mmCIF file of all heavy atoms, coordinates in Angstrom:
data_MODEL
# 
_entry.id   MODEL 
# 
loop_
_atom_site.group_PDB 
_atom_site.id 
_atom_site.type_symbol 
_atom_site.label_atom_id 
_atom_site.label_alt_id 
_atom_site.label_comp_id 
_atom_site.label_asym_id 
_atom_site.label_entity_id 
_atom_site.label_seq_id 
_atom_site.pdbx_PDB_ins_code 
_atom_site.Cartn_x 
_atom_site.Cartn_y 
_atom_site.Cartn_z 
_atom_site.occupancy 
_atom_site.B_iso_or_equiv 
_atom_site.pdbx_formal_charge 
_atom_site.auth_seq_id 
_atom_site.auth_comp_id 
_atom_site.auth_asym_id 
_atom_site.auth_atom_id 
_atom_site.pdbx_PDB_model_num 
ATOM 1   N N   . ASN A 1 1  ? 97.642  -55.924 128.747 1.00 0.00 ? 1  ASN A N   1 
ATOM 2   C CA  . ASN A 1 1  ? 97.790  -56.704 127.579 1.00 0.00 ? 1  ASN A CA  1 
ATOM 3   C C   . ASN A 1 1  ? 97.924  -55.761 126.404 1.00 0.00 ? 1  ASN A C   1 
ATOM 4   O O   . ASN A 1 1  ? 98.019  -56.279 125.219 1.00 0.00 ? 1  ASN A O   1 
ATOM 5   C CB  . ASN A 1 1  ? 96.691  -57.624 127.420 1.00 0.00 ? 1  ASN A CB  1 
ATOM 6   C CG  . ASN A 1 1  ? 96.894  -58.889 128.325 1.00 0.00 ? 1  ASN A CG  1 
ATOM 7   O OD1 . ASN A 1 1  ? 97.842  -58.984 128.818 1.00 0.00 ? 1  ASN A OD1 1 
ATOM 8   N ND2 . ASN A 1 1  ? 95.742  -59.582 128.652 1.00 0.00 ? 1  ASN A ND2 1 
ATOM 9   N N   . ARG A 1 2  ? 97.790  -54.573 126.481 1.00 0.00 ? 2  ARG A N   1 
ATOM 10  C CA  . ARG A 1 2  ? 97.738  -53.609 125.267 1.00 0.00 ? 2  ARG A CA  1 
ATOM 11  C C   . ARG A 1 2  ? 99.199  -53.255 124.997 1.00 0.00 ? 2  ARG A C   1 
ATOM 12  O O   . ARG A 1 2  ? 100.114 -53.494 125.663 1.00 0.00 ? 2  ARG A O   1 
ATOM 13  C CB  . ARG A 1 2  ? 96.984  -52.423 125.652 1.00 0.00 ? 2  ARG A CB  1 
ATOM 14  C CG  . ARG A 1 2  ? 95.456  -52.789 125.794 1.00 0.00 ? 2  ARG A CG  1 
ATOM 15  C CD  . ARG A 1 2  ? 94.661  -51.458 125.987 1.00 0.00 ? 2  ARG A CD  1 
ATOM 16  N NE  . ARG A 1 2  ? 93.204  -51.883 126.392 1.00 0.00 ? 2  ARG A NE  1 
ATOM 17  C CZ  . ARG A 1 2  ? 92.347  -50.924 126.486 1.00 0.00 ? 2  ARG A CZ  1 
ATOM 18  N NH1 . ARG A 1 2  ? 92.565  -49.563 126.209 1.00 0.00 ? 2  ARG A NH1 1 
ATOM 19  N NH2 . ARG A 1 2  ? 91.150  -51.251 126.820 1.00 0.00 ? 2  ARG A NH2 1 
ATOM 20  N N   . LEU A 1 3  ? 99.383  -52.585 123.832 1.00 0.00 ? 3  LEU A N   1 
ATOM 21  C CA  . LEU A 1 3  ? 100.848 -52.227 123.522 1.00 0.00 ? 3  LEU A CA  1 
ATOM 22  C C   . LEU A 1 3  ? 101.368 -51.226 124.540 1.00 0.00 ? 3  LEU A C   1 
ATOM 23  O O   . LEU A 1 3  ? 100.664 -50.156 124.864 1.00 0.00 ? 3  LEU A O   1 
ATOM 24  C CB  . LEU A 1 3  ? 100.636 -51.419 122.207 1.00 0.00 ? 3  LEU A CB  1 
ATOM 25  C CG  . LEU A 1 3  ? 100.274 -52.286 120.975 1.00 0.00 ? 3  LEU A CG  1 
ATOM 26  C CD1 . LEU A 1 3  ? 100.382 -51.423 119.687 1.00 0.00 ? 3  LEU A CD1 1 
ATOM 27  C CD2 . LEU A 1 3  ? 101.136 -53.525 120.837 1.00 0.00 ? 3  LEU A CD2 1 
ATOM 28  N N   . GLN A 1 4  ? 102.486 -51.700 125.096 1.00 0.00 ? 4  GLN A N   1 
ATOM 29  C CA  . GLN A 1 4  ? 103.114 -50.839 126.072 1.00 0.00 ? 4  GLN A CA  1 
ATOM 30  C C   . GLN A 1 4  ? 104.518 -50.261 125.657 1.00 0.00 ? 4  GLN A C   1 
ATOM 31  O O   . GLN A 1 4  ? 105.484 -51.227 125.623 1.00 0.00 ? 4  GLN A O   1 
ATOM 32  C CB  . GLN A 1 4  ? 103.113 -51.678 127.353 1.00 0.00 ? 4  GLN A CB  1 
ATOM 33  C CG  . GLN A 1 4  ? 101.959 -52.047 128.035 1.00 0.00 ? 4  GLN A CG  1 
ATOM 34  C CD  . GLN A 1 4  ? 101.279 -50.870 128.727 1.00 0.00 ? 4  GLN A CD  1 
ATOM 35  O OE1 . GLN A 1 4  ? 101.936 -50.166 129.445 1.00 0.00 ? 4  GLN A OE1 1 
ATOM 36  N NE2 . GLN A 1 4  ? 99.902  -50.682 128.485 1.00 0.00 ? 4  GLN A NE2 1 
ATOM 37  N N   . PRO A 1 5  ? 104.541 -49.217 125.319 1.00 0.00 ? 5  PRO A N   1 
ATOM 38  C CA  . PRO A 1 5  ? 105.982 -48.624 124.960 1.00 0.00 ? 5  PRO A CA  1 
ATOM 39  C C   . PRO A 1 5  ? 106.938 -48.553 126.191 1.00 0.00 ? 5  PRO A C   1 
ATOM 40  O O   . PRO A 1 5  ? 106.494 -48.325 127.301 1.00 0.00 ? 5  PRO A O   1 
ATOM 41  C CB  . PRO A 1 5  ? 105.648 -47.155 124.453 1.00 0.00 ? 5  PRO A CB  1 
ATOM 42  C CG  . PRO A 1 5  ? 104.446 -46.857 125.130 1.00 0.00 ? 5  PRO A CG  1 
ATOM 43  C CD  . PRO A 1 5  ? 103.624 -48.113 125.401 1.00 0.00 ? 5  PRO A CD  1 
ATOM 44  N N   . LYS A 1 6  ? 108.192 -48.786 125.878 1.00 0.00 ? 6  LYS A N   1 
ATOM 45  C CA  . LYS A 1 6  ? 109.186 -48.793 126.931 1.00 0.00 ? 6  LYS A CA  1 
ATOM 46  C C   . LYS A 1 6  ? 109.609 -47.456 127.328 1.00 0.00 ? 6  LYS A C   1 
ATOM 47  O O   . LYS A 1 6  ? 110.239 -47.253 128.369 1.00 0.00 ? 6  LYS A O   1 
ATOM 48  C CB  . LYS A 1 6  ? 110.313 -49.631 126.515 1.00 0.00 ? 6  LYS A CB  1 
ATOM 49  C CG  . LYS A 1 6  ? 110.036 -51.168 126.201 1.00 0.00 ? 6  LYS A CG  1 
ATOM 50  C CD  . LYS A 1 6  ? 111.410 -51.872 125.783 1.00 0.00 ? 6  LYS A CD  1 
ATOM 51  C CE  . LYS A 1 6  ? 111.110 -53.382 125.538 1.00 0.00 ? 6  LYS A CE  1 
ATOM 52  N NZ  . LYS A 1 6  ? 112.360 -54.008 124.943 1.00 0.00 ? 6  LYS A NZ  1 
ATOM 53  N N   . MET A 1 7  ? 109.470 -46.582 126.450 1.00 0.00 ? 7  MET A N   1 
ATOM 54  C CA  . MET A 1 7  ? 109.957 -45.134 126.595 1.00 0.00 ? 7  MET A CA  1 
ATOM 55  C C   . MET A 1 7  ? 109.058 -44.146 125.818 1.00 0.00 ? 7  MET A C   1 
ATOM 56  O O   . MET A 1 7  ? 108.276 -44.636 124.984 1.00 0.00 ? 7  MET A O   1 
ATOM 57  C CB  . MET A 1 7  ? 111.374 -45.080 126.081 1.00 0.00 ? 7  MET A CB  1 
ATOM 58  C CG  . MET A 1 7  ? 111.706 -45.514 124.724 1.00 0.00 ? 7  MET A CG  1 
ATOM 59  S SD  . MET A 1 7  ? 113.267 -45.326 124.217 1.00 0.00 ? 7  MET A SD  1 
ATOM 60  C CE  . MET A 1 7  ? 113.365 -43.676 123.867 1.00 0.00 ? 7  MET A CE  1 
ATOM 61  N N   . SER A 1 8  ? 109.177 -42.919 126.115 1.00 0.00 ? 8  SER A N   1 
ATOM 62  C CA  . SER A 1 8  ? 108.565 -41.981 125.325 1.00 0.00 ? 8  SER A CA  1 
ATOM 63  C C   . SER A 1 8  ? 109.424 -41.560 124.204 1.00 0.00 ? 8  SER A C   1 
ATOM 64  O O   . SER A 1 8  ? 110.678 -41.690 124.093 1.00 0.00 ? 8  SER A O   1 
ATOM 65  C CB  . SER A 1 8  ? 108.295 -40.608 126.253 1.00 0.00 ? 8  SER A CB  1 
ATOM 66  O OG  . SER A 1 8  ? 107.517 -41.045 127.300 1.00 0.00 ? 8  SER A OG  1 
ATOM 67  N N   . PRO A 1 9  ? 108.750 -41.151 123.018 1.00 0.00 ? 9  PRO A N   1 
ATOM 68  C CA  . PRO A 1 9  ? 109.534 -40.668 121.802 1.00 0.00 ? 9  PRO A CA  1 
ATOM 69  C C   . PRO A 1 9  ? 110.423 -39.526 122.150 1.00 0.00 ? 9  PRO A C   1 
ATOM 70  O O   . PRO A 1 9  ? 110.094 -38.689 123.071 1.00 0.00 ? 9  PRO A O   1 
ATOM 71  C CB  . PRO A 1 9  ? 108.368 -40.333 120.870 1.00 0.00 ? 9  PRO A CB  1 
ATOM 72  C CG  . PRO A 1 9  ? 107.173 -40.838 121.339 1.00 0.00 ? 9  PRO A CG  1 
ATOM 73  C CD  . PRO A 1 9  ? 107.404 -40.911 122.959 1.00 0.00 ? 9  PRO A CD  1 
ATOM 74  N N   . SER A 1 10 ? 111.510 -39.425 121.445 1.00 0.00 ? 10 SER A N   1 
ATOM 75  C CA  . SER A 1 10 ? 112.379 -38.240 121.582 1.00 0.00 ? 10 SER A CA  1 
ATOM 76  C C   . SER A 1 10 ? 111.698 -37.020 121.037 1.00 0.00 ? 10 SER A C   1 
ATOM 77  O O   . SER A 1 10 ? 110.588 -37.166 120.377 1.00 0.00 ? 10 SER A O   1 
ATOM 78  C CB  . SER A 1 10 ? 113.625 -38.445 120.724 1.00 0.00 ? 10 SER A CB  1 
ATOM 79  O OG  . SER A 1 10 ? 114.332 -39.595 121.240 1.00 0.00 ? 10 SER A OG  1 
ATOM 80  N N   . ALA A 1 11 ? 112.237 -35.829 121.285 1.00 0.00 ? 11 ALA A N   1 
ATOM 81  C CA  . ALA A 1 11 ? 111.657 -34.679 120.861 1.00 0.00 ? 11 ALA A CA  1 
ATOM 82  C C   . ALA A 1 11 ? 111.756 -34.506 119.309 1.00 0.00 ? 11 ALA A C   1 
ATOM 83  O O   . ALA A 1 11 ? 112.750 -35.132 118.701 1.00 0.00 ? 11 ALA A O   1 
ATOM 84  C CB  . ALA A 1 11 ? 112.330 -33.522 121.511 1.00 0.00 ? 11 ALA A CB  1 
ATOM 85  N N   . ILE A 1 12 ? 110.885 -33.782 118.750 1.00 0.00 ? 12 ILE A N   1 
ATOM 86  C CA  . ILE A 1 12 ? 110.946 -33.682 117.197 1.00 0.00 ? 12 ILE A CA  1 
ATOM 87  C C   . ILE A 1 12 ? 112.240 -32.883 116.845 1.00 0.00 ? 12 ILE A C   1 
ATOM 88  O O   . ILE A 1 12 ? 112.406 -31.827 117.442 1.00 0.00 ? 12 ILE A O   1 
ATOM 89  C CB  . ILE A 1 12 ? 109.621 -32.941 116.624 1.00 0.00 ? 12 ILE A CB  1 
ATOM 90  C CG1 . ILE A 1 12 ? 108.463 -33.795 117.052 1.00 0.00 ? 12 ILE A CG1 1 
ATOM 91  C CG2 . ILE A 1 12 ? 109.680 -32.677 115.149 1.00 0.00 ? 12 ILE A CG2 1 
ATOM 92  C CD1 . ILE A 1 12 ? 107.155 -33.104 116.613 1.00 0.00 ? 12 ILE A CD1 1 
ATOM 93  N N   . SER A 1 13 ? 113.010 -33.237 115.839 1.00 0.00 ? 13 SER A N   1 
ATOM 94  C CA  . SER A 1 13 ? 114.200 -32.607 115.443 1.00 0.00 ? 13 SER A CA  1 
ATOM 95  C C   . SER A 1 13 ? 114.378 -32.848 113.945 1.00 0.00 ? 13 SER A C   1 
ATOM 96  O O   . SER A 1 13 ? 113.608 -33.488 113.359 1.00 0.00 ? 13 SER A O   1 
ATOM 97  C CB  . SER A 1 13 ? 115.342 -33.079 116.335 1.00 0.00 ? 13 SER A CB  1 
ATOM 98  O OG  . SER A 1 13 ? 115.621 -34.520 115.959 1.00 0.00 ? 13 SER A OG  1 
ATOM 99  N N   . GLY A 1 14 ? 115.457 -32.174 113.521 1.00 0.00 ? 14 GLY A N   1 
ATOM 100 C CA  . GLY A 1 14 ? 115.668 -32.264 112.003 1.00 0.00 ? 14 GLY A CA  1 
ATOM 101 C C   . GLY A 1 14 ? 115.199 -31.148 111.199 1.00 0.00 ? 14 GLY A C   1 
ATOM 102 O O   . GLY A 1 14 ? 114.899 -30.107 111.702 1.00 0.00 ? 14 GLY A O   1 
ATOM 103 N N   . PRO A 1 15 ? 115.082 -31.391 109.950 1.00 0.00 ? 15 PRO A N   1 
ATOM 104 C CA  . PRO A 1 15 ? 114.536 -30.384 109.005 1.00 0.00 ? 15 PRO A CA  1 
ATOM 105 C C   . PRO A 1 15 ? 113.204 -29.836 109.403 1.00 0.00 ? 15 PRO A C   1 
ATOM 106 O O   . PRO A 1 15 ? 112.302 -30.727 109.533 1.00 0.00 ? 15 PRO A O   1 
ATOM 107 C CB  . PRO A 1 15 ? 114.578 -30.998 107.713 1.00 0.00 ? 15 PRO A CB  1 
ATOM 108 C CG  . PRO A 1 15 ? 115.504 -32.259 107.733 1.00 0.00 ? 15 PRO A CG  1 
ATOM 109 C CD  . PRO A 1 15 ? 115.368 -32.646 109.218 1.00 0.00 ? 15 PRO A CD  1 
ATOM 110 N N   . ALA A 1 16 ? 112.993 -28.630 109.542 1.00 0.00 ? 16 ALA A N   1 
ATOM 111 C CA  . ALA A 1 16 ? 111.684 -28.043 109.985 1.00 0.00 ? 16 ALA A CA  1 
ATOM 112 C C   . ALA A 1 16 ? 110.499 -28.346 109.161 1.00 0.00 ? 16 ALA A C   1 
ATOM 113 O O   . ALA A 1 16 ? 109.397 -28.582 109.430 1.00 0.00 ? 16 ALA A O   1 
ATOM 114 C CB  . ALA A 1 16 ? 111.801 -26.535 110.143 1.00 0.00 ? 16 ALA A CB  1 
ATOM 115 N N   . HIS A 1 17 ? 110.804 -28.565 107.646 1.00 0.00 ? 17 HIS A N   1 
ATOM 116 C CA  . HIS A 1 17 ? 109.644 -28.917 106.806 1.00 0.00 ? 17 HIS A CA  1 
ATOM 117 C C   . HIS A 1 17 ? 109.146 -30.246 106.870 1.00 0.00 ? 17 HIS A C   1 
ATOM 118 O O   . HIS A 1 17 ? 108.176 -30.603 106.324 1.00 0.00 ? 17 HIS A O   1 
ATOM 119 C CB  . HIS A 1 17 ? 110.250 -28.618 105.378 1.00 0.00 ? 17 HIS A CB  1 
ATOM 120 C CG  . HIS A 1 17 ? 111.431 -29.466 104.877 1.00 0.00 ? 17 HIS A CG  1 
ATOM 121 N ND1 . HIS A 1 17 ? 112.614 -28.959 105.288 1.00 0.00 ? 17 HIS A ND1 1 
ATOM 122 C CD2 . HIS A 1 17 ? 111.485 -30.691 104.319 1.00 0.00 ? 17 HIS A CD2 1 
ATOM 123 C CE1 . HIS A 1 17 ? 113.538 -29.885 104.733 1.00 0.00 ? 17 HIS A CE1 1 
ATOM 124 N NE2 . HIS A 1 17 ? 112.801 -30.912 104.298 1.00 0.00 ? 17 HIS A NE2 1 
ATOM 125 N N   . LEU A 1 18 ? 109.874 -31.088 107.751 1.00 0.00 ? 18 LEU A N   1 
ATOM 126 C CA  . LEU A 1 18 ? 109.330 -32.524 107.966 1.00 0.00 ? 18 LEU A CA  1 
ATOM 127 C C   . LEU A 1 18 ? 108.512 -32.571 109.171 1.00 0.00 ? 18 LEU A C   1 
ATOM 128 O O   . LEU A 1 18 ? 107.726 -33.501 109.508 1.00 0.00 ? 18 LEU A O   1 
ATOM 129 C CB  . LEU A 1 18 ? 110.532 -33.432 108.090 1.00 0.00 ? 18 LEU A CB  1 
ATOM 130 C CG  . LEU A 1 18 ? 111.364 -33.652 107.024 1.00 0.00 ? 18 LEU A CG  1 
ATOM 131 C CD1 . LEU A 1 18 ? 112.522 -34.651 107.264 1.00 0.00 ? 18 LEU A CD1 1 
ATOM 132 C CD2 . LEU A 1 18 ? 110.586 -34.155 105.688 1.00 0.00 ? 18 LEU A CD2 1 
ATOM 133 N N   . PHE A 1 19 ? 108.552 -31.427 110.023 1.00 0.00 ? 19 PHE A N   1 
ATOM 134 C CA  . PHE A 1 19 ? 107.674 -31.486 111.152 1.00 0.00 ? 19 PHE A CA  1 
ATOM 135 C C   . PHE A 1 19 ? 106.175 -31.646 110.985 1.00 0.00 ? 19 PHE A C   1 
ATOM 136 O O   . PHE A 1 19 ? 105.449 -32.075 111.814 1.00 0.00 ? 19 PHE A O   1 
ATOM 137 C CB  . PHE A 1 19 ? 107.819 -30.170 111.990 1.00 0.00 ? 19 PHE A CB  1 
ATOM 138 C CG  . PHE A 1 19 ? 109.300 -30.056 112.520 1.00 0.00 ? 19 PHE A CG  1 
ATOM 139 C CD1 . PHE A 1 19 ? 109.685 -28.798 113.204 1.00 0.00 ? 19 PHE A CD1 1 
ATOM 140 C CD2 . PHE A 1 19 ? 110.294 -30.910 112.422 1.00 0.00 ? 19 PHE A CD2 1 
ATOM 141 C CE1 . PHE A 1 19 ? 110.957 -28.669 113.715 1.00 0.00 ? 19 PHE A CE1 1 
ATOM 142 C CE2 . PHE A 1 19 ? 111.509 -30.825 112.832 1.00 0.00 ? 19 PHE A CE2 1 
ATOM 143 C CZ  . PHE A 1 19 ? 111.976 -29.705 113.520 1.00 0.00 ? 19 PHE A CZ  1 
ATOM 144 N N   . ARG A 1 20 ? 105.778 -31.255 109.787 1.00 0.00 ? 20 ARG A N   1 
ATOM 145 C CA  . ARG A 1 20 ? 104.286 -31.316 109.441 1.00 0.00 ? 20 ARG A CA  1 
ATOM 146 C C   . ARG A 1 20 ? 103.813 -32.807 109.375 1.00 0.00 ? 20 ARG A C   1 
ATOM 147 O O   . ARG A 1 20 ? 102.630 -33.088 109.372 1.00 0.00 ? 20 ARG A O   1 
ATOM 148 C CB  . ARG A 1 20 ? 103.987 -30.674 108.067 1.00 0.00 ? 20 ARG A CB  1 
ATOM 149 C CG  . ARG A 1 20 ? 104.747 -31.283 106.892 1.00 0.00 ? 20 ARG A CG  1 
ATOM 150 C CD  . ARG A 1 20 ? 104.564 -30.498 105.621 1.00 0.00 ? 20 ARG A CD  1 
ATOM 151 N NE  . ARG A 1 20 ? 105.435 -29.377 105.676 1.00 0.00 ? 20 ARG A NE  1 
ATOM 152 C CZ  . ARG A 1 20 ? 105.482 -28.541 104.665 1.00 0.00 ? 20 ARG A CZ  1 
ATOM 153 N NH1 . ARG A 1 20 ? 104.783 -28.649 103.595 1.00 0.00 ? 20 ARG A NH1 1 
ATOM 154 N NH2 . ARG A 1 20 ? 106.343 -27.554 104.756 1.00 0.00 ? 20 ARG A NH2 1 
ATOM 155 N N   . LEU A 1 21 ? 104.777 -33.825 109.429 1.00 0.00 ? 21 LEU A N   1 
ATOM 156 C CA  . LEU A 1 21 ? 104.445 -35.068 109.349 1.00 0.00 ? 21 LEU A CA  1 
ATOM 157 C C   . LEU A 1 21 ? 104.093 -35.660 110.766 1.00 0.00 ? 21 LEU A C   1 
ATOM 158 O O   . LEU A 1 21 ? 103.456 -36.755 110.854 1.00 0.00 ? 21 LEU A O   1 
ATOM 159 C CB  . LEU A 1 21 ? 105.648 -35.905 108.834 1.00 0.00 ? 21 LEU A CB  1 
ATOM 160 C CG  . LEU A 1 21 ? 106.033 -35.742 107.226 1.00 0.00 ? 21 LEU A CG  1 
ATOM 161 C CD1 . LEU A 1 21 ? 107.288 -36.644 106.961 1.00 0.00 ? 21 LEU A CD1 1 
ATOM 162 C CD2 . LEU A 1 21 ? 104.871 -36.096 106.345 1.00 0.00 ? 21 LEU A CD2 1 
ATOM 163 N N   . ALA A 1 22 ? 104.537 -34.894 111.821 1.00 0.00 ? 22 ALA A N   1 
ATOM 164 C CA  . ALA A 1 22 ? 104.239 -35.316 113.099 1.00 0.00 ? 22 ALA A CA  1 
ATOM 165 C C   . ALA A 1 22 ? 102.658 -35.441 113.334 1.00 0.00 ? 22 ALA A C   1 
ATOM 166 O O   . ALA A 1 22 ? 101.995 -34.600 112.893 1.00 0.00 ? 22 ALA A O   1 
ATOM 167 C CB  . ALA A 1 22 ? 104.921 -34.288 114.059 1.00 0.00 ? 22 ALA A CB  1 
ATOM 168 N N   . GLY A 1 23 ? 102.322 -36.523 114.047 1.00 0.00 ? 23 GLY A N   1 
ATOM 169 C CA  . GLY A 1 23 ? 100.856 -36.603 114.352 1.00 0.00 ? 23 GLY A CA  1 
ATOM 170 C C   . GLY A 1 23 ? 100.142 -37.349 113.283 1.00 0.00 ? 23 GLY A C   1 
ATOM 171 O O   . GLY A 1 23 ? 98.789  -37.583 113.476 1.00 0.00 ? 23 GLY A O   1 
ATOM 172 N N   . LYS A 1 24 ? 100.712 -37.738 112.195 1.00 0.00 ? 24 LYS A N   1 
ATOM 173 C CA  . LYS A 1 24 ? 100.100 -38.429 111.162 1.00 0.00 ? 24 LYS A CA  1 
ATOM 174 C C   . LYS A 1 24 ? 100.798 -39.829 111.182 1.00 0.00 ? 24 LYS A C   1 
ATOM 175 O O   . LYS A 1 24 ? 101.890 -40.093 111.559 1.00 0.00 ? 24 LYS A O   1 
ATOM 176 C CB  . LYS A 1 24 ? 100.483 -37.792 109.810 1.00 0.00 ? 24 LYS A CB  1 
ATOM 177 C CG  . LYS A 1 24 ? 99.754  -36.351 109.729 1.00 0.00 ? 24 LYS A CG  1 
ATOM 178 C CD  . LYS A 1 24 ? 100.175 -35.789 108.291 1.00 0.00 ? 24 LYS A CD  1 
ATOM 179 C CE  . LYS A 1 24 ? 99.559  -34.472 108.112 1.00 0.00 ? 24 LYS A CE  1 
ATOM 180 N NZ  . LYS A 1 24 ? 99.944  -33.786 106.850 1.00 0.00 ? 24 LYS A NZ  1 
ATOM 181 N N   . CYS A 1 25 ? 99.964  -40.790 110.537 1.00 0.00 ? 25 CYS A N   1 
ATOM 182 C CA  . CYS A 1 25 ? 100.359 -42.198 110.383 1.00 0.00 ? 25 CYS A CA  1 
ATOM 183 C C   . CYS A 1 25 ? 100.206 -42.650 108.997 1.00 0.00 ? 25 CYS A C   1 
ATOM 184 O O   . CYS A 1 25 ? 99.243  -42.330 108.488 1.00 0.00 ? 25 CYS A O   1 
ATOM 185 C CB  . CYS A 1 25 ? 99.751  -43.129 111.417 1.00 0.00 ? 25 CYS A CB  1 
ATOM 186 S SG  . CYS A 1 25 ? 100.185 -42.769 113.176 1.00 0.00 ? 25 CYS A SG  1 
ATOM 187 N N   . PHE A 1 26 ? 101.090 -43.660 108.554 1.00 0.00 ? 26 PHE A N   1 
ATOM 188 C CA  . PHE A 1 26 ? 100.991 -44.195 107.249 1.00 0.00 ? 26 PHE A CA  1 
ATOM 189 C C   . PHE A 1 26 ? 101.084 -45.606 107.277 1.00 0.00 ? 26 PHE A C   1 
ATOM 190 O O   . PHE A 1 26 ? 102.041 -46.163 108.043 1.00 0.00 ? 26 PHE A O   1 
ATOM 191 C CB  . PHE A 1 26 ? 102.079 -43.530 106.328 1.00 0.00 ? 26 PHE A CB  1 
ATOM 192 C CG  . PHE A 1 26 ? 102.038 -41.946 106.309 1.00 0.00 ? 26 PHE A CG  1 
ATOM 193 C CD1 . PHE A 1 26 ? 102.754 -41.315 107.226 1.00 0.00 ? 26 PHE A CD1 1 
ATOM 194 C CD2 . PHE A 1 26 ? 101.360 -41.395 105.329 1.00 0.00 ? 26 PHE A CD2 1 
ATOM 195 C CE1 . PHE A 1 26 ? 102.696 -39.990 107.269 1.00 0.00 ? 26 PHE A CE1 1 
ATOM 196 C CE2 . PHE A 1 26 ? 101.342 -40.011 105.396 1.00 0.00 ? 26 PHE A CE2 1 
ATOM 197 C CZ  . PHE A 1 26 ? 102.073 -39.240 106.338 1.00 0.00 ? 26 PHE A CZ  1 
ATOM 198 N N   . SER A 1 27 ? 100.291 -46.408 106.598 1.00 0.00 ? 27 SER A N   1 
ATOM 199 C CA  . SER A 1 27 ? 100.178 -47.857 106.743 1.00 0.00 ? 27 SER A CA  1 
ATOM 200 C C   . SER A 1 27 ? 100.647 -48.573 105.471 1.00 0.00 ? 27 SER A C   1 
ATOM 201 O O   . SER A 1 27 ? 100.654 -47.974 104.338 1.00 0.00 ? 27 SER A O   1 
ATOM 202 C CB  . SER A 1 27 ? 98.749  -48.359 107.083 1.00 0.00 ? 27 SER A CB  1 
ATOM 203 O OG  . SER A 1 27 ? 97.875  -47.993 106.094 1.00 0.00 ? 27 SER A OG  1 
# 
């Protein structure tokens, strides 16, 4: 009954300076 993702996230890509946002969450 908990949140069940259908797939795993894609690999981190794009501008390297945005990688620091990985692992954080914003509400």
